[in-house]
Each structure stands twice: as C-alpha cells, then as structure tokens.
C-alpha cells in the first residue's frame, strides 16, 4: 500500500504575482508548495498530501492519524524568538504564523507518533529548533570563515555546488552510501547548537552543519540541501526519498 506523505506549505502575499498569474485577488494570501517536492514523493512511491498552515492547533492530532510520513519543506527564515535569540538585521523574511503552525505540528508528530520525518533546508532548521537547538540567523555575518551557501540565482537548482562530509554509522550515510556527497545549496541559516535528541550527520568543508538526525532507530532526518531538486538526476537524492517513503510504507504495513 502506498503511504500518505504530508508536505508542509509556504505562504505568499505578492499582489503583482497573484494578479499576473490569476492566482488570487491582490489582497489574498496564497498557500503553496513547490512541485519538486510532490514529484519527488510520487517518484519514490508515495502519495503526496499538501498540508496548509492551520490556525487551529486542534487539527494536528486528527491530521497525524491519517499520515504515514511527514515532509517539512524549505522557505522563509524562522523567527529567532523561537530559539531565544535577539533578531539580527541580516535575517530574511519571516512568517511567524507558519513558524507557530509547523513547530506545533512537528512537536505533536515527535511526541505522539512514530511516523518518519524528512526535513529539508528550513525544515532542518525547524527540526533543530523544535528539539531545543539554536540557529545562525545569517552565516556570513555570524560564523567566521563561513563559505557562501546561498546560490539562489547563481546556479541551476539541480547543480551541485559544494561537498559535504557524511558521518559514518549514521542513517544518512547508510542511505546515500558514501562519506562525501556533492550537493546544491540555497540557505544562509544553519544549526548553531544542536538539540540534545539529535546528532550531526553532515558538515560542509567550512564546518557548517548540513544534516542532523534523531538518535536511536526512528527515521527523523534533516538536511540543509535540496534533494527534491536533484531527485531525478542524482542517485543519492533519489535514495533519500526512497528510504523515507519506504520507511513510511513500512509503518503502513505495521498497522
């Protein structure tokens, strides 16, 4: 049986974009998700289900009863108040409502279920914050010696622009089958201190944390790069989605 995979949404209020594409009225907010996530889940054998940003926290428990896996997507920066930091003037756009929604959703998923979780870019940062970790709000200005990790507009979405080192004896290493991996990169934030229930699984050559996973057997992984943009051209990216969907399918069979 194919597993149902929940994919978190982003939110946009952009009057020019909405008017030109006929998506909504100029004063409406759009909830949306990049098609790459949907295609990556389908290609790996799952059934994608897009999750909007909820206002009512009571929706989470009912929703999670129906899902077999949960994918947290990229997007805006996380408000630093959620990890007790003073706001930097280098931080990008934030959506506190989305932060509140996703932190509640991931908290409920980790506390009350055993479903697999895959968290990408912002999702990886969110996972770390939910587990009690902190973030660099802006790597270039806060982390001495940081290389550029934000290649938006500078390279094609599927192009590998940096190498990451994968820690041995981790779930991630077992999935991708290598200790050195070429990846794309579109982030300016990353984990600073890692939450106590997580281990670092991948680092860039400048020492930036590029991956975390939950200690123990449960499949809860976060990566800073965007494998959904490489899933149809890169074997390691495809393997990550196949492992995630495969574990989600196993949880279906166990019911």
Protein backbone atom coordinates (compact mmCIF):
# COMPACT_ATOMS: atom_id res chain seq x y z
CA UNK A 1 0.00 0.00 0.00
CA UNK A 2 1.34 3.43 -0.92
CA UNK A 3 1.96 5.67 2.10
CA UNK A 4 0.35 9.10 2.53
CA UNK A 5 3.07 11.73 2.92
CA UNK A 6 2.15 15.14 4.32
CA UNK A 7 4.06 18.07 2.78
CA UNK A 8 4.06 21.42 4.56
CA UNK A 9 3.07 24.58 2.67
CA UNK A 10 4.53 28.04 2.30
CA UNK A 11 2.54 31.28 2.26
CA UNK A 12 2.82 34.23 -0.11
CA UNK A 13 1.21 37.64 -0.37
CA UNK A 14 2.54 39.15 -3.60
CA UNK A 15 -0.05 41.31 -5.40
CA UNK A 16 1.93 41.55 -8.66
CA UNK A 17 2.44 37.78 -8.88
CA UNK A 18 -1.13 36.97 -7.93
CA UNK A 19 -2.62 39.44 -10.42
CA UNK A 20 -0.36 38.50 -13.34
CA UNK A 21 -0.96 34.76 -12.93
CA UNK A 22 -4.60 34.95 -11.91
CA UNK A 23 -3.90 33.05 -8.71
CA UNK A 24 -5.95 35.20 -6.36
CA UNK A 25 -7.09 38.73 -5.65
CA UNK A 26 -4.38 41.22 -4.80
CA UNK A 27 -5.23 41.25 -1.08
CA UNK A 28 -5.38 37.46 -0.64
CA UNK A 29 -2.73 35.15 0.83
CA UNK A 30 -1.78 32.06 -1.18
CA UNK A 31 -0.72 28.78 0.40
CA UNK A 32 1.51 26.77 -1.92
CA UNK A 33 4.29 24.21 -2.25
CA UNK A 34 6.95 23.74 -4.94
CA UNK A 35 6.09 20.97 -7.39
CA UNK A 36 9.54 19.39 -6.93
CA UNK A 37 8.54 18.04 -3.50
CA UNK A 38 5.37 16.49 -4.91
CA UNK A 39 7.19 14.86 -7.80
CA UNK A 40 9.97 13.53 -5.56
CA UNK A 41 7.46 11.82 -3.26
CA UNK A 42 5.47 10.38 -6.16
CA UNK A 43 8.60 9.13 -7.91
CA UNK A 44 9.64 7.36 -4.69
CA UNK A 45 6.27 5.62 -4.43
CA UNK A 46 4.34 7.81 -2.02
CA UNK A 47 1.08 9.75 -2.25
CA UNK A 48 1.71 13.46 -1.52
CA UNK A 49 -0.80 15.37 0.62
CA UNK A 50 -0.26 19.12 0.90
CA UNK A 51 -0.77 20.49 4.43
CA UNK A 52 -1.89 24.13 4.70
CA UNK A 53 -0.86 26.44 7.52
CA UNK A 54 -3.52 25.89 10.17
CA UNK A 55 -4.77 28.48 12.62
CA UNK A 56 -6.35 25.94 15.00
CA UNK A 57 -3.92 23.72 16.88
CA UNK A 58 -6.57 21.07 17.47
CA UNK A 59 -6.28 19.99 13.82
CA UNK A 60 -2.85 18.39 14.26
CA UNK A 61 -3.78 15.25 16.17
CA UNK A 62 -6.52 14.29 13.69
CA UNK A 63 -4.29 15.01 10.72
CA UNK A 64 -1.40 12.91 12.02
CA UNK A 65 -3.69 9.91 12.50
CA UNK A 66 -4.07 9.84 8.70
CA UNK A 67 -0.45 10.35 7.64
CA UNK A 68 2.30 7.75 7.22
CA UNK A 69 5.16 10.24 6.81
CA UNK A 70 5.81 13.95 7.15
CA UNK A 71 7.96 16.20 4.94
CA UNK A 72 8.92 19.69 6.15
CA UNK A 73 9.83 21.95 3.25
CA UNK A 74 12.06 24.97 2.69
CA UNK A 75 11.00 28.61 2.79
CA UNK A 76 11.30 31.71 4.95
CA UNK A 77 13.64 32.20 7.91
CA UNK A 78 12.47 31.12 11.36
CA UNK A 79 11.68 33.90 13.83
CA UNK A 80 14.59 33.94 16.33
CA UNK A 81 12.21 34.38 19.26
CA UNK A 82 11.54 30.64 18.97
CA UNK A 83 15.13 29.90 19.98
CA UNK A 84 15.51 32.81 22.42
CA UNK A 85 17.78 34.95 20.24
CA UNK A 86 17.77 38.67 19.55
CA UNK A 87 16.67 39.45 15.99
CA UNK A 88 19.57 40.18 13.62
CA UNK A 89 19.25 42.85 10.93
CA UNK A 90 20.60 40.23 8.50
CA UNK A 91 17.67 37.87 8.92
CA UNK A 92 15.41 37.40 5.90
CA UNK A 93 11.64 37.43 5.67
CA UNK A 94 9.81 35.51 8.40
CA UNK A 95 6.30 34.13 8.77
CA UNK A 96 5.54 33.76 12.50
CA UNK A 97 2.22 32.09 11.73
CA UNK A 98 3.91 29.39 9.67
CA UNK A 99 6.57 29.00 12.38
CA UNK A 100 3.92 28.57 15.06
CA UNK A 101 1.98 26.07 12.93
CA UNK A 102 4.98 23.94 11.95
CA UNK A 103 6.57 23.89 15.40
CA UNK A 104 3.26 22.66 16.82
CA UNK A 105 2.92 20.09 14.03
CA UNK A 106 6.43 18.71 14.37
CA UNK A 107 6.17 18.71 18.16
CA UNK A 108 2.96 16.69 18.01
CA UNK A 109 4.46 14.32 15.42
CA UNK A 110 7.56 13.63 17.53
CA UNK A 111 5.63 13.27 20.81
CA UNK A 112 2.57 11.33 19.72
CA UNK A 113 3.54 9.29 16.65
CA UNK A 114 6.36 7.18 15.27
CA UNK A 115 5.92 8.22 11.63
CA UNK A 116 9.07 9.02 9.63
CA UNK A 117 10.03 12.67 9.21
CA UNK A 118 12.19 14.23 6.48
CA UNK A 119 13.07 17.91 6.92
CA UNK A 120 14.68 19.97 4.14
CA UNK A 121 16.54 23.31 4.45
CA UNK A 122 14.19 25.48 6.58
CA UNK A 123 12.68 22.17 7.67
CA UNK A 124 16.06 21.02 9.00
CA UNK A 125 16.38 24.27 10.95
CA UNK A 126 12.83 23.89 12.25
CA UNK A 127 13.55 20.34 13.38
CA UNK A 128 16.58 21.54 15.31
CA UNK A 129 14.67 24.41 16.95
CA UNK A 130 11.82 22.06 17.89
CA UNK A 131 14.41 19.85 19.60
CA UNK A 132 15.86 22.71 21.66
CA UNK A 133 18.65 23.77 19.31
CA UNK A 134 19.60 27.22 18.03
CA UNK A 135 20.44 28.73 14.64
CA UNK A 136 22.84 31.08 12.98
CA UNK A 137 20.47 33.76 11.70
CA UNK A 138 22.93 34.65 8.92
CA UNK A 139 26.02 32.53 8.31
CA UNK A 140 28.18 35.16 6.51
CA UNK A 141 27.82 37.74 9.30
CA UNK A 142 27.73 35.42 12.34
CA UNK A 143 30.04 32.50 11.60
CA UNK A 144 33.67 33.41 10.97
CA UNK A 145 35.11 31.67 7.93
CA UNK A 146 31.73 30.67 6.54
CA UNK A 147 31.66 29.98 2.82
CA UNK A 148 28.76 31.05 0.63
CA UNK A 149 25.86 28.62 0.98
CA UNK A 150 23.21 30.67 -0.81
CA UNK A 151 23.36 30.03 -4.55
CA UNK A 152 19.83 31.13 -5.40
CA UNK A 153 20.02 32.79 -8.81
CA UNK A 154 23.68 31.78 -9.17
CA UNK A 155 23.37 28.13 -10.20
CA UNK A 156 20.73 25.78 -11.63
CA UNK A 157 18.55 24.15 -8.98
CA UNK A 158 19.94 20.66 -9.63
CA UNK A 159 23.62 21.65 -9.79
CA UNK A 160 25.98 20.52 -7.02
CA UNK A 161 27.99 23.49 -5.75
CA UNK A 162 29.64 22.09 -2.61
CA UNK A 163 30.79 18.88 -0.93
CA UNK A 164 29.54 17.66 2.42
CA UNK A 165 31.13 15.04 4.66
CA UNK A 166 28.73 12.37 5.94
CA UNK A 167 29.40 10.86 9.35
CA UNK A 168 29.94 7.11 9.45
CA UNK A 169 27.43 4.89 11.27
CA UNK A 170 24.54 7.29 10.63
CA UNK A 171 21.23 6.61 8.93
CA UNK A 172 22.12 9.22 6.32
CA UNK A 173 25.40 7.51 5.45
CA UNK A 174 23.66 4.15 5.13
CA UNK A 175 21.11 5.69 2.76
CA UNK A 176 23.41 7.64 0.43
CA UNK A 177 26.22 5.06 0.59
CA UNK A 178 29.11 7.50 0.75
CA UNK A 179 31.01 9.71 3.19
CA UNK A 180 31.45 12.53 0.66
CA UNK A 181 28.48 13.94 -1.21
CA UNK A 182 28.13 16.72 -3.79
CA UNK A 183 25.02 18.81 -3.11
CA UNK A 184 23.24 22.00 -4.13
CA UNK A 185 22.91 24.85 -1.62
CA UNK A 186 20.33 27.61 -1.13
CA UNK A 187 20.49 28.65 2.54
CA UNK A 188 22.01 31.40 4.68
CA UNK A 189 20.95 29.95 8.04
CA UNK A 190 22.01 26.70 9.72
CA UNK A 191 22.12 24.94 13.08
CA UNK A 192 24.35 26.62 15.67
CA UNK A 193 23.82 24.37 18.67
CA UNK A 194 22.12 21.04 18.01
CA UNK A 195 19.20 19.85 20.12
CA UNK A 196 20.12 17.08 22.58
CA UNK A 197 17.99 14.41 20.89
CA UNK A 198 19.79 14.90 17.56
CA UNK A 199 23.21 14.03 16.15
CA UNK A 200 25.12 15.87 13.43
CA UNK A 201 25.24 13.73 10.29
CA UNK A 202 26.78 16.03 7.67
CA UNK A 203 29.04 19.08 7.57
CA UNK A 204 30.28 21.35 4.79
CA UNK A 205 34.00 21.86 4.33
CA UNK A 206 33.79 25.15 6.26
CA UNK A 207 32.28 23.31 9.24
CA UNK A 208 28.68 24.41 8.71
CA UNK A 209 26.21 21.76 9.90
CA UNK A 210 24.43 20.36 6.84
CA UNK A 211 22.50 17.45 8.33
CA UNK A 212 21.04 16.14 11.59
CA UNK A 213 19.11 13.04 12.60
CA UNK A 214 17.32 11.80 15.69
CA UNK A 215 19.30 9.46 17.91
CA UNK A 216 18.01 5.90 18.02
CA UNK A 217 16.16 3.90 15.40
CA UNK A 218 13.39 6.30 14.42
CA UNK A 219 13.61 7.83 10.91
CA UNK A 220 13.80 11.58 11.61
CA UNK A 221 16.32 13.26 9.30
CA UNK A 222 17.10 16.84 8.34
CA UNK A 223 19.34 18.10 5.52
CA UNK A 224 20.24 21.65 4.55
CA UNK A 225 20.50 20.99 0.82
CA UNK A 226 17.55 20.40 -1.51
CA UNK A 227 17.42 16.76 -2.66
CA UNK A 228 13.95 17.32 -4.14
CA UNK A 229 15.65 19.48 -6.80
CA UNK A 230 18.07 16.65 -7.66
CA UNK A 231 15.92 13.53 -7.22
CA UNK A 232 15.66 12.82 -10.96
CA UNK A 233 19.35 13.44 -11.74
CA UNK A 234 21.24 12.29 -8.64
CA UNK A 235 21.24 8.76 -7.19
CA UNK A 236 21.87 9.88 -3.61
CA UNK A 237 18.97 12.37 -3.69
CA UNK A 238 16.66 9.70 -5.09
CA UNK A 239 17.86 7.23 -2.45
CA UNK A 240 16.98 9.65 0.35
CA UNK A 241 13.38 9.96 -0.84
CA UNK A 242 13.13 6.23 -1.49
CA UNK A 243 14.33 5.48 2.05
CA UNK A 244 11.90 8.00 3.55
CA UNK A 245 8.91 6.73 1.57
CA UNK A 246 9.99 3.13 2.15
CA UNK A 247 10.04 3.62 5.92
CA UNK A 248 6.67 5.36 5.70
CA UNK A 249 5.28 2.40 3.74
CA UNK A 250 6.63 0.03 6.39
CA UNK A 251 4.66 1.91 9.03
CA UNK A 252 1.52 1.38 6.93
CA UNK A 253 2.11 -2.37 6.79
CA UNK A 254 2.70 -2.45 10.55
CA UNK A 255 -0.81 -1.11 11.27
